[in-house]
Amino acid sequence: MTSAPYAPFGRLLTAMATAFKPDGSVDLDGTARIAAHLVEHGNDGVVVSGTTGESPTTTVEEDYEILRAVKDAVGDRATVIAGVGTNATAHSVELARGAAKVGVDGVLLVTPYYNKPSQSGVLHHFRTVSEASDLPVMLYDVPGRTGLPISLDTYAAAIEWDQVVAVKDALGDLPRATKLTDLGYAVYSGDDVATLGFLAHGGCGLVSVVGHAAGRELKTMIETFLAGDHTRALEVFRRLLPAFEAMMGVPNYGATTAKAALQLQGVLDNRNVRGPLVPLDETEYAALRDGLAAAGLI
């Protein structure tokens, strides 16, 4: 049997939520509880200040406070990846340098959003931010949010740089995942429900949202698939389908459903988010509870 693909940051990482107090300020204690919960429930690593962490709403000072709180909570038990992607290159450089000072294990760098630069502009952004520190870089391709996919030519150029080692792929093009592994990338699924497909096409793991509620189960699914027990992996996947649908298949999903799941599990005592997001209403909350219950997670 062939060996499992290299996973530089671990097999299962969760793009973790950021806790907020009722007045909208960052709840560092709550955020640390989330990080500890994730590590204690099967996650090899956490991604901080990504989309699910509501990074567009946090200040640079808050980003550093959040990162330090998570690093202190996790210690050396798991990898910590700092989201540093923004739509301003200088801002991302500042975040990358700050993350290096905190002592994290890598950075997540999303395609610049809203600006819609050319691929030359994307490559310039990636290179400038990658060179701002010595940290390993996971690129993040999510055109549904950024409006701009990363081209294969851009990928081919970026993998030549020592810092760039991985990609979180949320494009959903499974054959392209194979092309990315052929280029030398460690490919992480950026969509929970597509994980088995990515693994079958050479992917190494998952950067999850549903991992807030199903870390151990997702870890089992990944490990059993890579060990060759595809039947058992598919059984786990089927059991988790109600959770996938409840957390990711609704309009108001992401940070909102992640925090509501944490509230249902007793990790948080609220589901506060920052505008423009709004927390799940009672009908949405009940539907999430039903989905997690159907998957055997609560």
C-alpha atoms as a PDB file:
ATOM      1  CA  MET A   1       0.000   0.000   0.000  1.00  0.00           C
ATOM      2  CA  THR A   2       1.310   3.439  -0.861  1.00  0.00           C
ATOM      3  CA  SER A   3       2.133   5.800   1.997  1.00  0.00           C
ATOM      4  CA  ALA A   4      -0.243   8.601   2.929  1.00  0.00           C
ATOM      5  CA  PRO A   5       0.540  12.009   1.400  1.00  0.00           C
ATOM      6  CA  TYR A   6       2.656  14.423   3.395  1.00  0.00           C
ATOM      7  CA  ALA A   7       0.602  16.727   5.627  1.00  0.00           C
ATOM      8  CA  PRO A   8       2.879  19.526   6.876  1.00  0.00           C
ATOM      9  CA  PHE A   9       0.401  20.896   9.410  1.00  0.00           C
ATOM     10  CA  GLY A  10      -1.399  17.672  10.351  1.00  0.00           C
ATOM     11  CA  ARG A  11      -4.351  15.828   8.816  1.00  0.00           C
ATOM     12  CA  LEU A  12      -7.233  17.672  10.482  1.00  0.00           C
ATOM     13  CA  LEU A  13      -7.275  21.385  11.194  1.00  0.00           C
ATOM     14  CA  THR A  14     -10.286  23.498  12.055  1.00  0.00           C
ATOM     15  CA  ALA A  15     -10.667  27.095  10.945  1.00  0.00           C
ATOM     16  CA  MET A  16     -11.687  28.169  14.401  1.00  0.00           C
ATOM     17  CA  ALA A  17     -14.239  30.717  15.490  1.00  0.00           C
ATOM     18  CA  THR A  18     -13.377  33.790  17.563  1.00  0.00           C
ATOM     19  CA  ALA A  19     -15.472  34.311  20.685  1.00  0.00           C
ATOM     20  CA  PHE A  20     -17.017  37.718  21.370  1.00  0.00           C
ATOM     21  CA  LYS A  21     -18.547  39.249  24.474  1.00  0.00           C
ATOM     22  CA  PRO A  22     -22.075  40.692  24.467  1.00  0.00           C
ATOM     23  CA  ASP A  23     -20.637  44.190  23.885  1.00  0.00           C
ATOM     24  CA  GLY A  24     -18.825  42.965  20.759  1.00  0.00           C
ATOM     25  CA  SER A  25     -15.325  42.932  22.220  1.00  0.00           C
ATOM     26  CA  VAL A  26     -13.087  39.901  21.767  1.00  0.00           C
ATOM     27  CA  ASP A  27     -13.515  37.241  24.438  1.00  0.00           C
ATOM     28  CA  LEU A  28      -9.956  35.935  24.784  1.00  0.00           C
ATOM     29  CA  ASP A  29     -10.872  33.388  27.452  1.00  0.00           C
ATOM     30  CA  GLY A  30     -13.679  32.042  25.279  1.00  0.00           C
ATOM     31  CA  THR A  31     -11.393  31.921  22.260  1.00  0.00           C
ATOM     32  CA  ALA A  32      -8.802  29.986  24.265  1.00  0.00           C
ATOM     33  CA  ARG A  33     -11.539  27.528  25.317  1.00  0.00           C
ATOM     34  CA  ILE A  34     -12.428  26.955  21.676  1.00  0.00           C
ATOM     35  CA  ALA A  35      -8.798  26.228  20.800  1.00  0.00           C
ATOM     36  CA  ALA A  36      -8.386  23.820  23.715  1.00  0.00           C
ATOM     37  CA  HIS A  37     -11.667  22.090  22.845  1.00  0.00           C
ATOM     38  CA  LEU A  38     -10.552  21.554  19.264  1.00  0.00           C
ATOM     39  CA  VAL A  39      -7.190  20.098  20.244  1.00  0.00           C
ATOM     40  CA  GLU A  40      -8.816  17.831  22.819  1.00  0.00           C
ATOM     41  CA  HIS A  41     -11.284  16.543  20.209  1.00  0.00           C
ATOM     42  CA  GLY A  42      -9.070  15.246  17.442  1.00  0.00           C
ATOM     43  CA  ASN A  43      -7.644  18.307  15.720  1.00  0.00           C
ATOM     44  CA  ASP A  44      -3.970  18.297  14.752  1.00  0.00           C
ATOM     45  CA  GLY A  45      -4.031  22.039  14.349  1.00  0.00           C
ATOM     46  CA  VAL A  46      -6.108  25.205  14.316  1.00  0.00           C
ATOM     47  CA  VAL A  47      -6.372  28.037  11.836  1.00  0.00           C
ATOM     48  CA  VAL A  48      -6.844  31.379  13.564  1.00  0.00           C
ATOM     49  CA  SER A  49      -8.370  34.538  12.102  1.00  0.00           C
ATOM     50  CA  GLY A  50      -9.659  33.016   8.902  1.00  0.00           C
ATOM     51  CA  THR A  51     -13.142  33.530   7.499  1.00  0.00           C
ATOM     52  CA  THR A  52     -14.708  31.521  10.322  1.00  0.00           C
ATOM     53  CA  GLY A  53     -12.718  33.617  12.778  1.00  0.00           C
ATOM     54  CA  GLU A  54     -14.414  36.738  11.347  1.00  0.00           C
ATOM     55  CA  SER A  55     -11.049  38.269  10.476  1.00  0.00           C
ATOM     56  CA  PRO A  56     -12.546  41.035   8.290  1.00  0.00           C
ATOM     57  CA  THR A  57     -14.050  42.502  11.479  1.00  0.00           C
ATOM     58  CA  THR A  58     -11.000  42.372  13.757  1.00  0.00           C
ATOM     59  CA  THR A  59      -8.236  44.941  14.146  1.00  0.00           C
ATOM     60  CA  VAL A  60      -4.517  44.214  13.886  1.00  0.00           C
ATOM     61  CA  GLU A  61      -4.194  44.585  17.653  1.00  0.00           C
ATOM     62  CA  GLU A  62      -7.061  42.156  18.204  1.00  0.00           C
ATOM     63  CA  ASP A  63      -5.521  39.707  15.725  1.00  0.00           C
ATOM     64  CA  TYR A  64      -2.325  39.556  17.777  1.00  0.00           C
ATOM     65  CA  GLU A  65      -4.219  39.184  21.055  1.00  0.00           C
ATOM     66  CA  ILE A  66      -6.300  36.356  19.596  1.00  0.00           C
ATOM     67  CA  LEU A  67      -3.225  34.617  18.208  1.00  0.00           C
ATOM     68  CA  ARG A  68      -1.337  34.844  21.501  1.00  0.00           C
ATOM     69  CA  ALA A  69      -4.344  33.518  23.442  1.00  0.00           C
ATOM     70  CA  VAL A  70      -4.659  30.549  21.097  1.00  0.00           C
ATOM     71  CA  LYS A  71      -0.928  29.826  21.133  1.00  0.00           C
ATOM     72  CA  ASP A  72      -0.921  29.890  24.927  1.00  0.00           C
ATOM     73  CA  ALA A  73      -3.935  27.555  25.059  1.00  0.00           C
ATOM     74  CA  VAL A  74      -2.569  25.084  22.513  1.00  0.00           C
ATOM     75  CA  GLY A  75       1.112  25.086  23.423  1.00  0.00           C
ATOM     76  CA  ASP A  76       2.950  22.350  21.575  1.00  0.00           C
ATOM     77  CA  ARG A  77      -0.071  20.028  21.376  1.00  0.00           C
ATOM     78  CA  ALA A  78      -1.058  21.144  17.882  1.00  0.00           C
ATOM     79  CA  THR A  79      -0.016  23.387  15.032  1.00  0.00           C
ATOM     80  CA  VAL A  80      -1.246  26.980  14.971  1.00  0.00           C
ATOM     81  CA  ILE A  81      -1.773  28.617  11.591  1.00  0.00           C
ATOM     82  CA  ALA A  82      -2.390  32.360  11.452  1.00  0.00           C
ATOM     83  CA  GLY A  83      -4.728  33.765   8.831  1.00  0.00           C
ATOM     84  CA  VAL A  84      -2.920  36.758   7.348  1.00  0.00           C
ATOM     85  CA  GLY A  85      -4.753  37.137   4.052  1.00  0.00           C
ATOM     86  CA  THR A  86      -6.393  40.485   3.328  1.00  0.00           C
ATOM     87  CA  ASN A  87      -7.003  42.538   0.193  1.00  0.00           C
ATOM     88  CA  ALA A  88      -4.112  44.906   0.995  1.00  0.00           C
ATOM     89  CA  THR A  89      -0.614  43.520   0.576  1.00  0.00           C
ATOM     90  CA  ALA A  90       0.981  45.837   3.156  1.00  0.00           C
ATOM     91  CA  HIS A  91      -1.655  44.828   5.718  1.00  0.00           C
ATOM     92  CA  SER A  92      -0.981  41.136   5.097  1.00  0.00           C
ATOM     93  CA  VAL A  93       2.765  41.713   5.428  1.00  0.00           C
ATOM     94  CA  GLU A  94       2.172  43.371   8.790  1.00  0.00           C
ATOM     95  CA  LEU A  95       0.063  40.431   9.957  1.00  0.00           C
ATOM     96  CA  ALA A  96       2.602  37.869   8.749  1.00  0.00           C
ATOM     97  CA  ARG A  97       5.446  39.572  10.593  1.00  0.00           C
ATOM     98  CA  GLY A  98       3.360  39.793  13.740  1.00  0.00           C
ATOM     99  CA  ALA A  99       2.428  36.123  13.487  1.00  0.00           C
ATOM    100  CA  ALA A 100       6.093  35.194  13.231  1.00  0.00           C
ATOM    101  CA  LYS A 101       6.805  37.103  16.449  1.00  0.00           C
ATOM    102  CA  VAL A 102       4.070  35.152  18.241  1.00  0.00           C
ATOM    103  CA  GLY A 103       5.780  31.943  17.157  1.00  0.00           C
ATOM    104  CA  VAL A 104       3.102  30.175  15.120  1.00  0.00           C
ATOM    105  CA  ASP A 105       3.714  27.243  12.785  1.00  0.00           C
ATOM    106  CA  GLY A 106       2.543  28.784   9.529  1.00  0.00           C
ATOM    107  CA  VAL A 107       0.284  31.292   7.826  1.00  0.00           C
ATOM    108  CA  LEU A 108      -2.843  30.981   5.713  1.00  0.00           C
ATOM    109  CA  LEU A 109      -2.823  33.361   2.744  1.00  0.00           C
ATOM    110  CA  VAL A 110      -6.075  33.834   0.844  1.00  0.00           C
ATOM    111  CA  THR A 111      -6.392  35.301  -2.625  1.00  0.00           C
ATOM    112  CA  PRO A 112      -6.970  39.060  -2.378  1.00  0.00           C
ATOM    113  CA  TYR A 113     -10.713  39.608  -2.376  1.00  0.00           C
ATOM    114  CA  TYR A 114     -12.883  42.350  -3.893  1.00  0.00           C
ATOM    115  CA  ASN A 115      -9.936  44.023  -5.720  1.00  0.00           C
ATOM    116  CA  LYS A 116      -9.908  41.234  -8.373  1.00  0.00           C
ATOM    117  CA  PRO A 117      -6.252  41.665  -9.382  1.00  0.00           C
ATOM    118  CA  SER A 118      -4.717  39.943 -12.386  1.00  0.00           C
ATOM    119  CA  GLN A 119      -2.863  36.686 -11.829  1.00  0.00           C
ATOM    120  CA  SER A 120       0.347  38.733 -11.928  1.00  0.00           C
ATOM    121  CA  GLY A 121      -1.066  40.801  -9.091  1.00  0.00           C
ATOM    122  CA  VAL A 122      -2.031  37.677  -7.155  1.00  0.00           C
ATOM    123  CA  LEU A 123       1.476  36.295  -7.601  1.00  0.00           C
ATOM    124  CA  HIS A 124       3.039  39.587  -6.499  1.00  0.00           C
ATOM    125  CA  HIS A 125       0.812  39.612  -3.399  1.00  0.00           C
ATOM    126  CA  PHE A 126       1.657  36.003  -2.527  1.00  0.00           C
ATOM    127  CA  ARG A 127       5.383  36.517  -2.996  1.00  0.00           C
ATOM    128  CA  THR A 128       5.542  39.755  -1.024  1.00  0.00           C
ATOM    129  CA  VAL A 129       3.672  38.275   1.943  1.00  0.00           C
ATOM    130  CA  SER A 130       5.553  34.963   1.798  1.00  0.00           C
ATOM    131  CA  GLU A 131       8.864  36.786   1.933  1.00  0.00           C
ATOM    132  CA  ALA A 132       7.772  38.832   4.953  1.00  0.00           C
ATOM    133  CA  SER A 133       8.660  35.943   7.281  1.00  0.00           C
ATOM    134  CA  ASP A 134      10.230  32.497   7.286  1.00  0.00           C
ATOM    135  CA  LEU A 135       6.921  30.800   8.150  1.00  0.00           C
ATOM    136  CA  PRO A 136       5.531  28.053   5.912  1.00  0.00           C
ATOM    137  CA  VAL A 137       2.615  29.267   3.802  1.00  0.00           C
ATOM    138  CA  MET A 138      -0.705  27.586   3.027  1.00  0.00           C
ATOM    139  CA  LEU A 139      -2.404  29.336   0.136  1.00  0.00           C
ATOM    140  CA  TYR A 140      -6.198  29.531   0.266  1.00  0.00           C
ATOM    141  CA  ASP A 141      -8.263  29.353  -2.899  1.00  0.00           C
ATOM    142  CA  VAL A 142     -11.939  30.154  -2.281  1.00  0.00           C
ATOM    143  CA  PRO A 143     -13.326  31.972  -5.338  1.00  0.00           C
ATOM    144  CA  GLY A 144     -16.859  31.810  -3.966  1.00  0.00           C
ATOM    145  CA  ARG A 145     -15.729  34.442  -1.452  1.00  0.00           C
ATOM    146  CA  THR A 146     -12.874  36.185  -3.272  1.00  0.00           C
ATOM    147  CA  GLY A 147     -14.343  36.241  -6.768  1.00  0.00           C
ATOM    148  CA  LEU A 148     -11.019  35.082  -8.209  1.00  0.00           C
ATOM    149  CA  PRO A 149      -9.565  31.567  -8.515  1.00  0.00           C
ATOM    150  CA  ILE A 150      -5.815  30.965  -8.486  1.00  0.00           C
ATOM    151  CA  SER A 151      -4.618  29.813 -11.907  1.00  0.00           C
ATOM    152  CA  LEU A 152      -2.449  26.729 -12.326  1.00  0.00           C
ATOM    153  CA  ASP A 153       0.317  28.939 -13.740  1.00  0.00           C
ATOM    154  CA  THR A 154       0.244  30.998 -10.543  1.00  0.00           C
ATOM    155  CA  TYR A 155       0.374  27.836  -8.474  1.00  0.00           C
ATOM    156  CA  ALA A 156       3.306  26.543 -10.527  1.00  0.00           C
ATOM    157  CA  ALA A 157       5.248  29.744  -9.902  1.00  0.00           C
ATOM    158  CA  ALA A 158       4.442  29.985  -6.184  1.00  0.00           C
ATOM    159  CA  ILE A 159       5.500  26.422  -5.327  1.00  0.00           C
ATOM    160  CA  GLU A 160       9.038  27.332  -6.389  1.00  0.00           C
ATOM    161  CA  TRP A 161       9.360  29.495  -3.279  1.00  0.00           C
ATOM    162  CA  ASP A 162      10.626  27.690  -0.204  1.00  0.00           C
ATOM    163  CA  GLN A 163       7.898  29.021   2.102  1.00  0.00           C
ATOM    164  CA  VAL A 164       4.906  27.873   0.028  1.00  0.00           C
ATOM    165  CA  VAL A 165       4.070  24.265   0.900  1.00  0.00           C
ATOM    166  CA  ALA A 166       0.304  23.755   0.922  1.00  0.00           C
ATOM    167  CA  VAL A 167      -3.078  24.922  -0.295  1.00  0.00           C
ATOM    168  CA  LYS A 168      -6.526  24.936   1.246  1.00  0.00           C
ATOM    169  CA  ASP A 169      -8.658  24.288  -1.830  1.00  0.00           C
ATOM    170  CA  ALA A 170     -12.303  25.323  -1.702  1.00  0.00           C
ATOM    171  CA  LEU A 171     -12.804  25.404  -5.457  1.00  0.00           C
ATOM    172  CA  GLY A 172     -14.258  21.893  -5.534  1.00  0.00           C
ATOM    173  CA  ASP A 173     -12.440  20.831  -8.722  1.00  0.00           C
ATOM    174  CA  LEU A 174     -11.187  17.379  -7.731  1.00  0.00           C
ATOM    175  CA  PRO A 175      -9.101  16.640 -10.852  1.00  0.00           C
ATOM    176  CA  ARG A 176      -7.319  19.935 -10.285  1.00  0.00           C
ATOM    177  CA  ALA A 177      -6.382  18.714  -6.794  1.00  0.00           C
ATOM    178  CA  THR A 178      -4.369  15.963  -8.454  1.00  0.00           C
ATOM    179  CA  LYS A 179      -2.620  18.541 -10.628  1.00  0.00           C
ATOM    180  CA  LEU A 180      -1.745  20.543  -7.519  1.00  0.00           C
ATOM    181  CA  THR A 181      -0.244  17.503  -5.798  1.00  0.00           C
ATOM    182  CA  ASP A 182       1.755  16.843  -8.961  1.00  0.00           C
ATOM    183  CA  LEU A 183       3.129  20.373  -8.676  1.00  0.00           C
ATOM    184  CA  GLY A 184       4.278  19.574  -5.131  1.00  0.00           C
ATOM    185  CA  TYR A 185       1.504  21.012  -2.971  1.00  0.00           C
ATOM    186  CA  ALA A 186       0.075  19.394   0.124  1.00  0.00           C
ATOM    187  CA  VAL A 187      -3.617  19.797  -0.726  1.00  0.00           C
ATOM    188  CA  TYR A 188      -6.136  20.278   2.059  1.00  0.00           C
ATOM    189  CA  SER A 189      -9.847  20.146   1.332  1.00  0.00           C
ATOM    190  CA  GLY A 190     -11.478  23.452   2.163  1.00  0.00           C
ATOM    191  CA  ASP A 191     -14.951  21.919   2.164  1.00  0.00           C
ATOM    192  CA  ASP A 192     -15.925  19.306   4.760  1.00  0.00           C
ATOM    193  CA  VAL A 193     -18.337  17.432   2.537  1.00  0.00           C
ATOM    194  CA  ALA A 194     -15.723  17.080  -0.248  1.00  0.00           C
ATOM    195  CA  THR A 195     -13.005  15.611   1.968  1.00  0.00           C
ATOM    196  CA  LEU A 196     -13.184  12.005   0.802  1.00  0.00           C
ATOM    197  CA  GLY A 197     -13.064  13.170  -2.808  1.00  0.00           C
ATOM    198  CA  PHE A 198      -9.957  15.232  -2.154  1.00  0.00           C
ATOM    199  CA  LEU A 199      -8.269  12.344  -0.373  1.00  0.00           C
ATOM    200  CA  ALA A 200      -9.059  10.079  -3.330  1.00  0.00           C
ATOM    201  CA  HIS A 201      -7.406  12.629  -5.635  1.00  0.00           C
ATOM    202  CA  GLY A 202      -4.197  12.932  -3.619  1.00  0.00           C
ATOM    203  CA  GLY A 203      -5.212  15.362  -0.890  1.00  0.00           C
ATOM    204  CA  CYS A 204      -3.578  15.121   2.511  1.00  0.00           C
ATOM    205  CA  GLY A 205      -6.280  16.351   4.894  1.00  0.00           C
ATOM    206  CA  LEU A 206      -8.954  18.882   5.738  1.00  0.00           C
ATOM    207  CA  VAL A 207      -9.272  22.430   7.004  1.00  0.00           C
ATOM    208  CA  SER A 208     -12.709  22.153   8.559  1.00  0.00           C
ATOM    209  CA  VAL A 209     -15.627  24.103   9.944  1.00  0.00           C
ATOM    210  CA  VAL A 210     -17.615  21.070  11.084  1.00  0.00           C
ATOM    211  CA  GLY A 211     -14.557  20.143  13.155  1.00  0.00           C
ATOM    212  CA  HIS A 212     -15.935  22.457  15.828  1.00  0.00           C
ATOM    213  CA  ALA A 213     -18.521  19.746  16.506  1.00  0.00           C
ATOM    214  CA  ALA A 214     -17.067  16.562  15.009  1.00  0.00           C
ATOM    215  CA  GLY A 215     -13.305  16.632  15.380  1.00  0.00           C
ATOM    216  CA  ARG A 216     -12.801  13.038  16.471  1.00  0.00           C
ATOM    217  CA  GLU A 217     -15.184  11.722  13.831  1.00  0.00           C
ATOM    218  CA  LEU A 218     -13.546  13.660  11.008  1.00  0.00           C
ATOM    219  CA  LYS A 219     -10.105  12.543  12.147  1.00  0.00           C
ATOM    220  CA  THR A 220     -11.294   8.924  12.097  1.00  0.00           C
ATOM    221  CA  MET A 221     -12.785   9.389   8.632  1.00  0.00           C
ATOM    222  CA  ILE A 222      -9.525  10.779   7.255  1.00  0.00           C
ATOM    223  CA  GLU A 223      -7.249   8.252   8.918  1.00  0.00           C
ATOM    224  CA  THR A 224      -9.319   5.223   7.975  1.00  0.00           C
ATOM    225  CA  PHE A 225      -9.536   6.351   4.354  1.00  0.00           C
ATOM    226  CA  LEU A 226      -5.788   6.890   4.124  1.00  0.00           C
ATOM    227  CA  ALA A 227      -5.224   3.505   5.776  1.00  0.00           C
ATOM    228  CA  GLY A 228      -7.188   1.907   2.970  1.00  0.00           C
ATOM    229  CA  ASP A 229     -10.416   1.173   4.850  1.00  0.00           C
ATOM    230  CA  HIS A 230     -12.633   3.108   2.487  1.00  0.00           C
ATOM    231  CA  THR A 231     -15.768   1.299   3.614  1.00  0.00           C
ATOM    232  CA  ARG A 232     -15.392   2.461   7.204  1.00  0.00           C
ATOM    233  CA  ALA A 233     -14.491   5.984   6.090  1.00  0.00           C
ATOM    234  CA  LEU A 234     -17.678   6.127   4.033  1.00  0.00           C
ATOM    235  CA  GLU A 235     -19.677   4.887   7.017  1.00  0.00           C
ATOM    236  CA  VAL A 236     -18.356   7.773   9.106  1.00  0.00           C
ATOM    237  CA  PHE A 237     -19.112  10.193   6.276  1.00  0.00           C
ATOM    238  CA  ARG A 238     -22.690   8.972   6.066  1.00  0.00           C
ATOM    239  CA  ARG A 239     -23.178   9.400   9.808  1.00  0.00           C
ATOM    240  CA  LEU A 240     -21.882  12.954   9.568  1.00  0.00           C
ATOM    241  CA  LEU A 241     -24.045  14.011   6.626  1.00  0.00           C
ATOM    242  CA  PRO A 242     -26.750  15.589   8.831  1.00  0.00           C
ATOM    243  CA  ALA A 243     -24.044  17.643  10.559  1.00  0.00           C
ATOM    244  CA  PHE A 244     -22.515  18.721   7.236  1.00  0.00           C
ATOM    245  CA  GLU A 245     -25.909  19.834   6.014  1.00  0.00           C
ATOM    246  CA  ALA A 246     -26.830  21.559   9.264  1.00  0.00           C
ATOM    247  CA  MET A 247     -23.555  23.487   9.600  1.00  0.00           C
ATOM    248  CA  MET A 248     -22.664  24.193   5.972  1.00  0.00           C
ATOM    249  CA  GLY A 249     -25.827  23.737   3.925  1.00  0.00           C
ATOM    250  CA  VAL A 250     -27.796  26.722   5.189  1.00  0.00           C
ATOM    251  CA  PRO A 251     -27.641  30.394   4.102  1.00  0.00           C
ATOM    252  CA  ASN A 252     -26.434  31.724   7.457  1.00  0.00           C
ATOM    253  CA  TYR A 253     -23.457  29.366   7.866  1.00  0.00           C
ATOM    254  CA  GLY A 254     -19.833  29.528   8.910  1.00  0.00           C
ATOM    255  CA  ALA A 255     -18.921  31.447  12.047  1.00  0.00           C
ATOM    256  CA  THR A 256     -22.610  31.553  12.951  1.00  0.00           C
ATOM    257  CA  THR A 257     -23.135  27.786  12.869  1.00  0.00           C
ATOM    258  CA  ALA A 258     -19.720  27.056  14.382  1.00  0.00           C
ATOM    259  CA  LYS A 259     -20.473  29.215  17.412  1.00  0.00           C
ATOM    260  CA  ALA A 260     -23.973  27.830  17.770  1.00  0.00           C
ATOM    261  CA  ALA A 261     -22.523  24.314  17.715  1.00  0.00           C
ATOM    262  CA  LEU A 262     -20.037  25.308  20.417  1.00  0.00           C
ATOM    263  CA  GLN A 263     -22.912  26.717  22.462  1.00  0.00           C
ATOM    264  CA  LEU A 264     -24.851  23.468  22.086  1.00  0.00           C
ATOM    265  CA  GLN A 265     -21.784  21.547  23.273  1.00  0.00           C
ATOM    266  CA  GLY A 266     -21.281  23.840  26.274  1.00  0.00           C
ATOM    267  CA  VAL A 267     -17.946  25.284  25.122  1.00  0.00           C
ATOM    268  CA  LEU A 268     -19.451  28.773  24.810  1.00  0.00           C
ATOM    269  CA  ASP A 269     -22.417  30.269  26.658  1.00  0.00           C
ATOM    270  CA  ASN A 270     -23.423  32.429  23.661  1.00  0.00           C
ATOM    271  CA  ARG A 271     -23.261  32.592  19.871  1.00  0.00           C
ATOM    272  CA  ASN A 272     -22.256  36.235  19.502  1.00  0.00           C
ATOM    273  CA  VAL A 273     -20.925  37.392  16.140  1.00  0.00           C
ATOM    274  CA  ARG A 274     -19.947  40.760  14.691  1.00  0.00           C
ATOM    275  CA  GLY A 275     -21.834  42.566  11.960  1.00  0.00           C
ATOM    276  CA  PRO A 276     -22.504  42.115   9.124  1.00  0.00           C
ATOM    277  CA  LEU A 277     -23.097  38.585  10.428  1.00  0.00           C
ATOM    278  CA  VAL A 278     -26.055  37.949  12.697  1.00  0.00           C
ATOM    279  CA  PRO A 279     -26.366  35.019  15.093  1.00  0.00           C
ATOM    280  CA  LEU A 280     -28.628  32.092  14.318  1.00  0.00           C
ATOM    281  CA  ASP A 281     -32.234  32.782  15.272  1.00  0.00           C
ATOM    282  CA  GLU A 282     -34.174  30.267  17.335  1.00  0.00           C
ATOM    283  CA  THR A 283     -35.531  28.433  14.293  1.00  0.00           C
ATOM    284  CA  GLU A 284     -32.050  28.124  12.778  1.00  0.00           C
ATOM    285  CA  TYR A 285     -30.607  27.117  16.145  1.00  0.00           C
ATOM    286  CA  ALA A 286     -33.200  24.362  16.531  1.00  0.00           C
ATOM    287  CA  ALA A 287     -32.433  23.071  13.023  1.00  0.00           C
ATOM    288  CA  LEU A 288     -28.728  22.965  13.830  1.00  0.00           C
ATOM    289  CA  ARG A 289     -29.419  21.116  17.060  1.00  0.00           C
ATOM    290  CA  ASP A 290     -31.476  18.566  15.152  1.00  0.00           C
ATOM    291  CA  GLY A 291     -28.732  18.054  12.580  1.00  0.00           C
ATOM    292  CA  LEU A 292     -26.012  17.556  15.173  1.00  0.00           C
ATOM    293  CA  ALA A 293     -28.261  15.213  17.137  1.00  0.00           C
ATOM    294  CA  ALA A 294     -28.989  13.159  14.006  1.00  0.00           C
ATOM    295  CA  ALA A 295     -25.236  12.770  13.512  1.00  0.00           C
ATOM    296  CA  GLY A 296     -24.824  11.634  17.117  1.00  0.00           C
ATOM    297  CA  LEU A 297     -22.742  14.665  18.096  1.00  0.00           C
ATOM    298  CA  ILE A 298     -24.936  15.997  20.915  1.00  0.00           C
END
